[in-house]
């Protein structure tokens, strides 16, 4: 069975991942990591997630858990993820990364590990979201040149980055189909007297409220008709199951490289 290590185990996504690993008979939980200053260090993982005592304690020592036969699943924060990547490289561990909010320099650093490690990095691990990227590319090729394109996303009040990683993935898919870099088309800040909409631009709107897990819609508004492609997640288990699918795919891949969820699902 494949050994899995979860970082950020005391967070909402971390707990969802722990539950998903424990529910998957093909995987074994090799460790659960929290920050060094966490009051939960030493607590039993099973008691943390309501599954009863399992005999696996939360730890802050990632190095003690890693090995070439382990896959690390990381949904934390950019700086923490890069530190975890450096540790994974020391022990030749593979890694599934779901962290969002990286800047351009951090992404370059992340990619630099792909010559030594097998990595899956995606802004969203939902199967439905990654299927929607295929639909968006088709819609952009057919309707994009004659449409105003808007990407609207909504998340819970605690999310710290905007637009979301998924919204940016969708924007990249649309821009790629249009043959232009997203950086030249994206409009993420509209306030005051901004004038008429720039032809060919891709607008982004972000909502942060309540406990919304994740909702994304891409609008193609042409003269006389409008197409919307939407995805709504109602549970973090959707992302957790996708991350585990990526981990199992990596275990079979066993070659260095930087992959994404579309590779895992066989879309490219």
C-alpha atoms as a PDB file:
ATOM      1  CA  UNK A   1       0.000   0.000   0.000  1.00  0.00           C
ATOM      2  CA  UNK A   2       1.156   3.531  -0.783  1.00  0.00           C
ATOM      3  CA  UNK A   3       2.343   5.585   2.193  1.00  0.00           C
ATOM      4  CA  UNK A   4       0.829   9.069   2.443  1.00  0.00           C
ATOM      5  CA  UNK A   5       1.916  12.038   4.582  1.00  0.00           C
ATOM      6  CA  UNK A   6      -0.440  14.988   5.091  1.00  0.00           C
ATOM      7  CA  UNK A   7       0.833  18.479   5.969  1.00  0.00           C
ATOM      8  CA  UNK A   8      -1.404  21.147   7.497  1.00  0.00           C
ATOM      9  CA  UNK A   9      -3.260  18.229   9.052  1.00  0.00           C
ATOM     10  CA  UNK A  10      -5.127  20.379  11.569  1.00  0.00           C
ATOM     11  CA  UNK A  11      -6.689  22.649   8.916  1.00  0.00           C
ATOM     12  CA  UNK A  12     -10.013  22.086   7.189  1.00  0.00           C
ATOM     13  CA  UNK A  13      -8.445  20.693   4.033  1.00  0.00           C
ATOM     14  CA  UNK A  14      -5.944  18.686   6.055  1.00  0.00           C
ATOM     15  CA  UNK A  15      -8.742  17.000   7.984  1.00  0.00           C
ATOM     16  CA  UNK A  16     -10.597  16.233   4.758  1.00  0.00           C
ATOM     17  CA  UNK A  17      -7.431  14.610   3.391  1.00  0.00           C
ATOM     18  CA  UNK A  18      -6.950  12.568   6.561  1.00  0.00           C
ATOM     19  CA  UNK A  19     -10.492  11.225   6.314  1.00  0.00           C
ATOM     20  CA  UNK A  20     -10.038  10.414   2.631  1.00  0.00           C
ATOM     21  CA  UNK A  21      -6.781   8.521   3.218  1.00  0.00           C
ATOM     22  CA  UNK A  22      -8.284   6.503   6.054  1.00  0.00           C
ATOM     23  CA  UNK A  23     -11.279   5.630   3.868  1.00  0.00           C
ATOM     24  CA  UNK A  24      -9.072   4.402   0.998  1.00  0.00           C
ATOM     25  CA  UNK A  25      -7.977   0.741   1.428  1.00  0.00           C
ATOM     26  CA  UNK A  26      -5.138   1.191  -1.084  1.00  0.00           C
ATOM     27  CA  UNK A  27      -3.426   3.874   0.995  1.00  0.00           C
ATOM     28  CA  UNK A  28      -1.855   3.997   4.438  1.00  0.00           C
ATOM     29  CA  UNK A  29      -1.384   7.127   6.515  1.00  0.00           C
ATOM     30  CA  UNK A  30       2.344   7.373   7.284  1.00  0.00           C
ATOM     31  CA  UNK A  31       2.154  10.669   9.138  1.00  0.00           C
ATOM     32  CA  UNK A  32       0.296  13.915   9.768  1.00  0.00           C
ATOM     33  CA  UNK A  33       2.201  17.172  10.154  1.00  0.00           C
ATOM     34  CA  UNK A  34       1.280  20.462  11.833  1.00  0.00           C
ATOM     35  CA  UNK A  35       3.178  23.705  12.535  1.00  0.00           C
ATOM     36  CA  UNK A  36       5.897  23.649  15.159  1.00  0.00           C
ATOM     37  CA  UNK A  37       3.887  25.963  17.430  1.00  0.00           C
ATOM     38  CA  UNK A  38       0.644  23.960  17.201  1.00  0.00           C
ATOM     39  CA  UNK A  39      -1.019  23.034  20.481  1.00  0.00           C
ATOM     40  CA  UNK A  40      -2.137  19.779  18.820  1.00  0.00           C
ATOM     41  CA  UNK A  41       1.314  18.198  18.544  1.00  0.00           C
ATOM     42  CA  UNK A  42       1.090  14.719  20.040  1.00  0.00           C
ATOM     43  CA  UNK A  43      -2.688  14.497  19.651  1.00  0.00           C
ATOM     44  CA  UNK A  44      -4.070  11.343  18.040  1.00  0.00           C
ATOM     45  CA  UNK A  45      -5.082  11.798  14.401  1.00  0.00           C
ATOM     46  CA  UNK A  46      -8.199   9.665  14.743  1.00  0.00           C
ATOM     47  CA  UNK A  47      -9.469  11.675  17.685  1.00  0.00           C
ATOM     48  CA  UNK A  48      -8.799  14.908  15.757  1.00  0.00           C
ATOM     49  CA  UNK A  49     -11.142  13.861  12.936  1.00  0.00           C
ATOM     50  CA  UNK A  50     -13.683  11.928  14.978  1.00  0.00           C
ATOM     51  CA  UNK A  51     -12.669   8.414  13.914  1.00  0.00           C
ATOM     52  CA  UNK A  52     -11.490   7.199  17.314  1.00  0.00           C
ATOM     53  CA  UNK A  53      -7.963   6.558  18.508  1.00  0.00           C
ATOM     54  CA  UNK A  54      -5.659   5.316  15.709  1.00  0.00           C
ATOM     55  CA  UNK A  55      -2.259   5.385  17.357  1.00  0.00           C
ATOM     56  CA  UNK A  56      -0.891   7.985  14.909  1.00  0.00           C
ATOM     57  CA  UNK A  57       0.172  11.258  16.512  1.00  0.00           C
ATOM     58  CA  UNK A  58       0.294  14.723  14.962  1.00  0.00           C
ATOM     59  CA  UNK A  59       3.928  15.768  14.543  1.00  0.00           C
ATOM     60  CA  UNK A  60       5.913  18.848  13.561  1.00  0.00           C
ATOM     61  CA  UNK A  61       8.902  16.785  12.366  1.00  0.00           C
ATOM     62  CA  UNK A  62       8.378  16.208   8.660  1.00  0.00           C
ATOM     63  CA  UNK A  63      11.951  14.935   8.187  1.00  0.00           C
ATOM     64  CA  UNK A  64      11.293  11.987  10.506  1.00  0.00           C
ATOM     65  CA  UNK A  65       8.432  10.816   8.277  1.00  0.00           C
ATOM     66  CA  UNK A  66       9.742  11.284   4.740  1.00  0.00           C
ATOM     67  CA  UNK A  67      11.328   8.595   2.584  1.00  0.00           C
ATOM     68  CA  UNK A  68      11.543   7.572  -1.079  1.00  0.00           C
ATOM     69  CA  UNK A  69       8.485   5.357  -0.607  1.00  0.00           C
ATOM     70  CA  UNK A  70       6.266   8.211   0.657  1.00  0.00           C
ATOM     71  CA  UNK A  71       4.060  10.757  -1.102  1.00  0.00           C
ATOM     72  CA  UNK A  72       3.551  14.089   0.607  1.00  0.00           C
ATOM     73  CA  UNK A  73       0.218  15.867   0.054  1.00  0.00           C
ATOM     74  CA  UNK A  74       0.474  19.578   0.767  1.00  0.00           C
ATOM     75  CA  UNK A  75      -2.367  22.109   0.896  1.00  0.00           C
ATOM     76  CA  UNK A  76      -0.779  24.796   3.084  1.00  0.00           C
ATOM     77  CA  UNK A  77       0.714  28.193   2.138  1.00  0.00           C
ATOM     78  CA  UNK A  78       3.334  29.108  -0.482  1.00  0.00           C
ATOM     79  CA  UNK A  79       6.290  29.610   1.849  1.00  0.00           C
ATOM     80  CA  UNK A  80       5.501  26.462   3.824  1.00  0.00           C
ATOM     81  CA  UNK A  81       5.034  24.421   0.650  1.00  0.00           C
ATOM     82  CA  UNK A  82       8.456  25.445  -0.672  1.00  0.00           C
ATOM     83  CA  UNK A  83      10.037  24.403   2.641  1.00  0.00           C
ATOM     84  CA  UNK A  84       8.227  21.069   2.399  1.00  0.00           C
ATOM     85  CA  UNK A  85       9.457  20.688  -1.191  1.00  0.00           C
ATOM     86  CA  UNK A  86      13.046  21.158  -0.049  1.00  0.00           C
ATOM     87  CA  UNK A  87      12.531  18.460   2.588  1.00  0.00           C
ATOM     88  CA  UNK A  88      10.919  16.107   0.054  1.00  0.00           C
ATOM     89  CA  UNK A  89      13.927  16.568  -2.239  1.00  0.00           C
ATOM     90  CA  UNK A  90      16.269  15.462   0.560  1.00  0.00           C
ATOM     91  CA  UNK A  91      14.449  12.142   0.854  1.00  0.00           C
ATOM     92  CA  UNK A  92      13.381  11.643  -2.809  1.00  0.00           C
ATOM     93  CA  UNK A  93       9.701  11.723  -1.825  1.00  0.00           C
ATOM     94  CA  UNK A  94       7.022  12.518  -4.404  1.00  0.00           C
ATOM     95  CA  UNK A  95       4.595  15.346  -3.760  1.00  0.00           C
ATOM     96  CA  UNK A  96       1.042  16.442  -4.548  1.00  0.00           C
ATOM     97  CA  UNK A  97       0.645  20.216  -4.173  1.00  0.00           C
ATOM     98  CA  UNK A  98      -2.721  21.944  -3.823  1.00  0.00           C
ATOM     99  CA  UNK A  99      -1.464  25.209  -2.326  1.00  0.00           C
ATOM    100  CA  UNK A 100      -2.524  28.381  -4.168  1.00  0.00           C
ATOM    101  CA  UNK A 101      -1.325  31.987  -4.031  1.00  0.00           C
ATOM    102  CA  UNK A 102       2.236  31.468  -5.322  1.00  0.00           C
ATOM    103  CA  UNK A 103       3.913  34.486  -6.914  1.00  0.00           C
ATOM    104  CA  UNK A 104       5.905  34.170 -10.149  1.00  0.00           C
ATOM    105  CA  UNK A 105       9.247  33.684  -8.404  1.00  0.00           C
ATOM    106  CA  UNK A 106       7.853  31.007  -6.102  1.00  0.00           C
ATOM    107  CA  UNK A 107       6.421  29.125  -9.070  1.00  0.00           C
ATOM    108  CA  UNK A 108       9.847  29.113 -10.697  1.00  0.00           C
ATOM    109  CA  UNK A 109      11.302  27.661  -7.497  1.00  0.00           C
ATOM    110  CA  UNK A 110       8.566  25.010  -7.384  1.00  0.00           C
ATOM    111  CA  UNK A 111       9.193  23.999 -10.981  1.00  0.00           C
ATOM    112  CA  UNK A 112      12.941  23.741 -10.342  1.00  0.00           C
ATOM    113  CA  UNK A 113      12.376  20.599  -8.264  1.00  0.00           C
ATOM    114  CA  UNK A 114      10.759  18.734 -11.161  1.00  0.00           C
ATOM    115  CA  UNK A 115      14.080  17.478 -12.497  1.00  0.00           C
ATOM    116  CA  UNK A 116      14.513  15.470  -9.269  1.00  0.00           C
ATOM    117  CA  UNK A 117      11.012  14.771  -8.019  1.00  0.00           C
ATOM    118  CA  UNK A 118       7.675  13.585  -9.377  1.00  0.00           C
ATOM    119  CA  UNK A 119       5.269  16.424  -8.619  1.00  0.00           C
ATOM    120  CA  UNK A 120       1.599  17.061  -9.291  1.00  0.00           C
ATOM    121  CA  UNK A 121       0.673  20.723  -8.871  1.00  0.00           C
ATOM    122  CA  UNK A 122      -2.859  21.950  -9.541  1.00  0.00           C
ATOM    123  CA  UNK A 123      -5.020  24.836  -8.409  1.00  0.00           C
ATOM    124  CA  UNK A 124      -7.961  22.452  -8.057  1.00  0.00           C
ATOM    125  CA  UNK A 125      -8.161  18.659  -7.681  1.00  0.00           C
ATOM    126  CA  UNK A 126     -11.858  18.272  -8.457  1.00  0.00           C
ATOM    127  CA  UNK A 127     -12.515  15.970 -11.399  1.00  0.00           C
ATOM    128  CA  UNK A 128     -15.418  18.209 -12.457  1.00  0.00           C
ATOM    129  CA  UNK A 129     -13.305  21.364 -12.466  1.00  0.00           C
ATOM    130  CA  UNK A 130     -10.613  19.735 -14.572  1.00  0.00           C
ATOM    131  CA  UNK A 131     -13.239  18.469 -17.011  1.00  0.00           C
ATOM    132  CA  UNK A 132     -14.587  22.024 -17.207  1.00  0.00           C
ATOM    133  CA  UNK A 133     -11.175  23.216 -18.425  1.00  0.00           C
ATOM    134  CA  UNK A 134     -11.644  21.066 -21.525  1.00  0.00           C
ATOM    135  CA  UNK A 135     -15.096  22.558 -22.085  1.00  0.00           C
ATOM    136  CA  UNK A 136     -13.739  26.078 -21.593  1.00  0.00           C
ATOM    137  CA  UNK A 137     -11.069  25.621 -24.234  1.00  0.00           C
ATOM    138  CA  UNK A 138     -13.702  24.502 -26.723  1.00  0.00           C
ATOM    139  CA  UNK A 139     -16.048  27.359 -25.816  1.00  0.00           C
ATOM    140  CA  UNK A 140     -13.230  29.884 -26.070  1.00  0.00           C
ATOM    141  CA  UNK A 141     -12.232  28.682 -29.534  1.00  0.00           C
ATOM    142  CA  UNK A 142     -15.810  28.845 -30.794  1.00  0.00           C
ATOM    143  CA  UNK A 143     -17.306  31.830 -28.956  1.00  0.00           C
ATOM    144  CA  UNK A 144     -14.326  33.617 -27.418  1.00  0.00           C
ATOM    145  CA  UNK A 145     -13.424  35.978 -30.269  1.00  0.00           C
ATOM    146  CA  UNK A 146     -16.981  37.372 -30.360  1.00  0.00           C
ATOM    147  CA  UNK A 147     -17.741  37.365 -26.606  1.00  0.00           C
ATOM    148  CA  UNK A 148     -17.081  39.318 -23.450  1.00  0.00           C
ATOM    149  CA  UNK A 149     -15.593  36.818 -21.010  1.00  0.00           C
ATOM    150  CA  UNK A 150     -16.047  37.000 -17.236  1.00  0.00           C
ATOM    151  CA  UNK A 151     -14.845  34.585 -14.541  1.00  0.00           C
ATOM    152  CA  UNK A 152     -16.763  34.749 -11.268  1.00  0.00           C
ATOM    153  CA  UNK A 153     -15.638  32.811  -8.199  1.00  0.00           C
ATOM    154  CA  UNK A 154     -16.871  32.535  -4.608  1.00  0.00           C
ATOM    155  CA  UNK A 155     -15.162  31.093  -1.519  1.00  0.00           C
ATOM    156  CA  UNK A 156     -15.394  31.126   2.262  1.00  0.00           C
ATOM    157  CA  UNK A 157     -14.439  34.188   4.296  1.00  0.00           C
ATOM    158  CA  UNK A 158     -11.073  32.727   5.358  1.00  0.00           C
ATOM    159  CA  UNK A 159      -9.540  32.342   1.886  1.00  0.00           C
ATOM    160  CA  UNK A 160      -6.548  34.665   1.608  1.00  0.00           C
ATOM    161  CA  UNK A 161      -5.823  34.825  -2.143  1.00  0.00           C
ATOM    162  CA  UNK A 162      -7.915  36.277  -4.965  1.00  0.00           C
ATOM    163  CA  UNK A 163      -8.624  35.464  -7.707  1.00  0.00           C
ATOM    164  CA  UNK A 164      -8.647  31.839  -6.635  1.00  0.00           C
ATOM    165  CA  UNK A 165      -6.202  29.353  -8.075  1.00  0.00           C
ATOM    166  CA  UNK A 166      -9.084  27.660  -9.864  1.00  0.00           C
ATOM    167  CA  UNK A 167     -10.267  30.923 -11.412  1.00  0.00           C
ATOM    168  CA  UNK A 168      -6.751  31.516 -12.710  1.00  0.00           C
ATOM    169  CA  UNK A 169      -6.615  27.962 -14.098  1.00  0.00           C
ATOM    170  CA  UNK A 170      -9.841  28.666 -15.952  1.00  0.00           C
ATOM    171  CA  UNK A 171      -8.490  31.979 -17.200  1.00  0.00           C
ATOM    172  CA  UNK A 172      -5.326  30.275 -18.439  1.00  0.00           C
ATOM    173  CA  UNK A 173      -7.390  27.668 -20.294  1.00  0.00           C
ATOM    174  CA  UNK A 174      -9.434  30.371 -22.027  1.00  0.00           C
ATOM    175  CA  UNK A 175      -6.435  32.574 -22.827  1.00  0.00           C
ATOM    176  CA  UNK A 176      -4.492  29.597 -24.181  1.00  0.00           C
ATOM    177  CA  UNK A 177      -7.369  28.730 -26.506  1.00  0.00           C
ATOM    178  CA  UNK A 178      -7.375  32.355 -27.693  1.00  0.00           C
ATOM    179  CA  UNK A 179      -3.635  32.190 -28.341  1.00  0.00           C
ATOM    180  CA  UNK A 180      -2.630  34.896 -25.858  1.00  0.00           C
ATOM    181  CA  UNK A 181      -1.066  34.967 -22.379  1.00  0.00           C
ATOM    182  CA  UNK A 182      -3.537  35.529 -19.565  1.00  0.00           C
ATOM    183  CA  UNK A 183      -1.333  38.309 -18.178  1.00  0.00           C
ATOM    184  CA  UNK A 184      -2.221  40.445 -21.226  1.00  0.00           C
ATOM    185  CA  UNK A 185      -5.964  39.789 -21.014  1.00  0.00           C
ATOM    186  CA  UNK A 186      -6.830  39.591 -17.297  1.00  0.00           C
ATOM    187  CA  UNK A 187      -8.652  42.428 -15.562  1.00  0.00           C
ATOM    188  CA  UNK A 188      -8.809  41.835 -11.804  1.00  0.00           C
ATOM    189  CA  UNK A 189      -9.352  45.351 -10.451  1.00  0.00           C
ATOM    190  CA  UNK A 190     -12.285  47.507 -11.559  1.00  0.00           C
ATOM    191  CA  UNK A 191     -13.209  50.521  -9.462  1.00  0.00           C
ATOM    192  CA  UNK A 192     -14.110  54.098 -10.299  1.00  0.00           C
ATOM    193  CA  UNK A 193     -14.468  55.473 -13.816  1.00  0.00           C
ATOM    194  CA  UNK A 194     -12.651  52.763 -15.712  1.00  0.00           C
ATOM    195  CA  UNK A 195     -14.190  53.424 -19.125  1.00  0.00           C
ATOM    196  CA  UNK A 196     -15.684  50.936 -21.558  1.00  0.00           C
ATOM    197  CA  UNK A 197     -14.661  47.315 -21.498  1.00  0.00           C
ATOM    198  CA  UNK A 198     -11.452  46.577 -23.397  1.00  0.00           C
ATOM    199  CA  UNK A 199     -12.103  44.209 -26.328  1.00  0.00           C
ATOM    200  CA  UNK A 200     -10.727  40.727 -25.719  1.00  0.00           C
ATOM    201  CA  UNK A 201     -10.236  41.194 -21.989  1.00  0.00           C
ATOM    202  CA  UNK A 202     -11.047  38.512 -19.412  1.00  0.00           C
ATOM    203  CA  UNK A 203     -12.657  39.939 -16.287  1.00  0.00           C
ATOM    204  CA  UNK A 204     -12.376  38.388 -12.823  1.00  0.00           C
ATOM    205  CA  UNK A 205     -14.734  38.881  -9.885  1.00  0.00           C
ATOM    206  CA  UNK A 206     -14.210  37.383  -6.418  1.00  0.00           C
ATOM    207  CA  UNK A 207     -16.683  36.891  -3.573  1.00  0.00           C
ATOM    208  CA  UNK A 208     -15.625  35.940  -0.031  1.00  0.00           C
ATOM    209  CA  UNK A 209     -18.454  35.038   2.321  1.00  0.00           C
ATOM    210  CA  UNK A 210     -19.603  32.518   4.897  1.00  0.00           C
ATOM    211  CA  UNK A 211     -18.497  28.923   4.446  1.00  0.00           C
ATOM    212  CA  UNK A 212     -18.722  28.654   0.641  1.00  0.00           C
ATOM    213  CA  UNK A 213     -16.499  25.728  -0.355  1.00  0.00           C
ATOM    214  CA  UNK A 214     -15.915  26.849  -3.935  1.00  0.00           C
ATOM    215  CA  UNK A 215     -18.017  28.066  -6.848  1.00  0.00           C
ATOM    216  CA  UNK A 216     -16.746  29.075 -10.292  1.00  0.00           C
ATOM    217  CA  UNK A 217     -18.547  30.296 -13.408  1.00  0.00           C
ATOM    218  CA  UNK A 218     -17.173  31.428 -16.745  1.00  0.00           C
ATOM    219  CA  UNK A 219     -19.470  33.632 -18.779  1.00  0.00           C
ATOM    220  CA  UNK A 220     -19.233  34.057 -22.554  1.00  0.00           C
ATOM    221  CA  UNK A 221     -21.556  36.976 -23.407  1.00  0.00           C
ATOM    222  CA  UNK A 222     -22.081  37.515 -27.124  1.00  0.00           C
ATOM    223  CA  UNK A 223     -24.651  39.626 -28.939  1.00  0.00           C
ATOM    224  CA  UNK A 224     -28.025  37.972 -28.396  1.00  0.00           C
ATOM    225  CA  UNK A 225     -26.851  34.958 -26.394  1.00  0.00           C
ATOM    226  CA  UNK A 226     -24.854  33.960 -23.346  1.00  0.00           C
ATOM    227  CA  UNK A 227     -23.085  30.724 -22.404  1.00  0.00           C
ATOM    228  CA  UNK A 228     -22.136  29.893 -18.824  1.00  0.00           C
ATOM    229  CA  UNK A 229     -19.950  27.000 -17.712  1.00  0.00           C
ATOM    230  CA  UNK A 230     -20.155  26.522 -13.952  1.00  0.00           C
ATOM    231  CA  UNK A 231     -18.858  24.254 -11.231  1.00  0.00           C
ATOM    232  CA  UNK A 232     -19.973  24.188  -7.588  1.00  0.00           C
ATOM    233  CA  UNK A 233     -18.260  22.178  -4.867  1.00  0.00           C
ATOM    234  CA  UNK A 234     -20.333  21.297  -1.809  1.00  0.00           C
ATOM    235  CA  UNK A 235     -17.655  19.396   0.131  1.00  0.00           C
ATOM    236  CA  UNK A 236     -13.859  19.504   0.497  1.00  0.00           C
ATOM    237  CA  UNK A 237     -13.913  15.723   0.161  1.00  0.00           C
ATOM    238  CA  UNK A 238     -14.186  16.312  -3.598  1.00  0.00           C
ATOM    239  CA  UNK A 239     -10.743  17.925  -3.593  1.00  0.00           C
ATOM    240  CA  UNK A 240      -9.348  15.367  -1.156  1.00  0.00           C
ATOM    241  CA  UNK A 241     -10.411  12.419  -3.318  1.00  0.00           C
ATOM    242  CA  UNK A 242      -8.875  14.085  -6.364  1.00  0.00           C
ATOM    243  CA  UNK A 243      -5.598  14.665  -4.526  1.00  0.00           C
ATOM    244  CA  UNK A 244      -5.480  10.994  -3.577  1.00  0.00           C
ATOM    245  CA  UNK A 245      -6.147  10.043  -7.195  1.00  0.00           C
ATOM    246  CA  UNK A 246      -3.140  12.197  -8.105  1.00  0.00           C
ATOM    247  CA  UNK A 247      -1.015  10.506  -5.417  1.00  0.00           C
ATOM    248  CA  UNK A 248      -1.899   7.042  -6.722  1.00  0.00           C
ATOM    249  CA  UNK A 249      -1.102   8.171 -10.267  1.00  0.00           C
ATOM    250  CA  UNK A 250       2.296   9.466  -9.099  1.00  0.00           C
ATOM    251  CA  UNK A 251       3.028   6.151  -7.425  1.00  0.00           C
ATOM    252  CA  UNK A 252       2.609   4.455 -10.804  1.00  0.00           C
ATOM    253  CA  UNK A 253       4.454   7.199 -12.727  1.00  0.00           C
ATOM    254  CA  UNK A 254       7.688   7.024 -10.737  1.00  0.00           C
ATOM    255  CA  UNK A 255       9.529   9.451 -13.028  1.00  0.00           C
ATOM    256  CA  UNK A 256      10.531  13.053 -12.234  1.00  0.00           C
ATOM    257  CA  UNK A 257       8.488  15.843 -13.741  1.00  0.00           C
ATOM    258  CA  UNK A 258       5.915  18.519 -13.059  1.00  0.00           C
ATOM    259  CA  UNK A 259       2.400  17.305 -13.829  1.00  0.00           C
ATOM    260  CA  UNK A 260      -1.123  18.560 -13.219  1.00  0.00           C
ATOM    261  CA  UNK A 261      -4.555  17.072 -12.690  1.00  0.00           C
ATOM    262  CA  UNK A 262      -5.232  16.993 -16.423  1.00  0.00           C
ATOM    263  CA  UNK A 263      -2.285  14.610 -16.767  1.00  0.00           C
ATOM    264  CA  UNK A 264      -3.708  12.472 -13.964  1.00  0.00           C
ATOM    265  CA  UNK A 265      -7.091  12.253 -15.700  1.00  0.00           C
ATOM    266  CA  UNK A 266      -5.541  11.535 -19.110  1.00  0.00           C
ATOM    267  CA  UNK A 267      -6.732  14.783 -20.712  1.00  0.00           C
ATOM    268  CA  UNK A 268      -3.282  15.555 -22.130  1.00  0.00           C
END
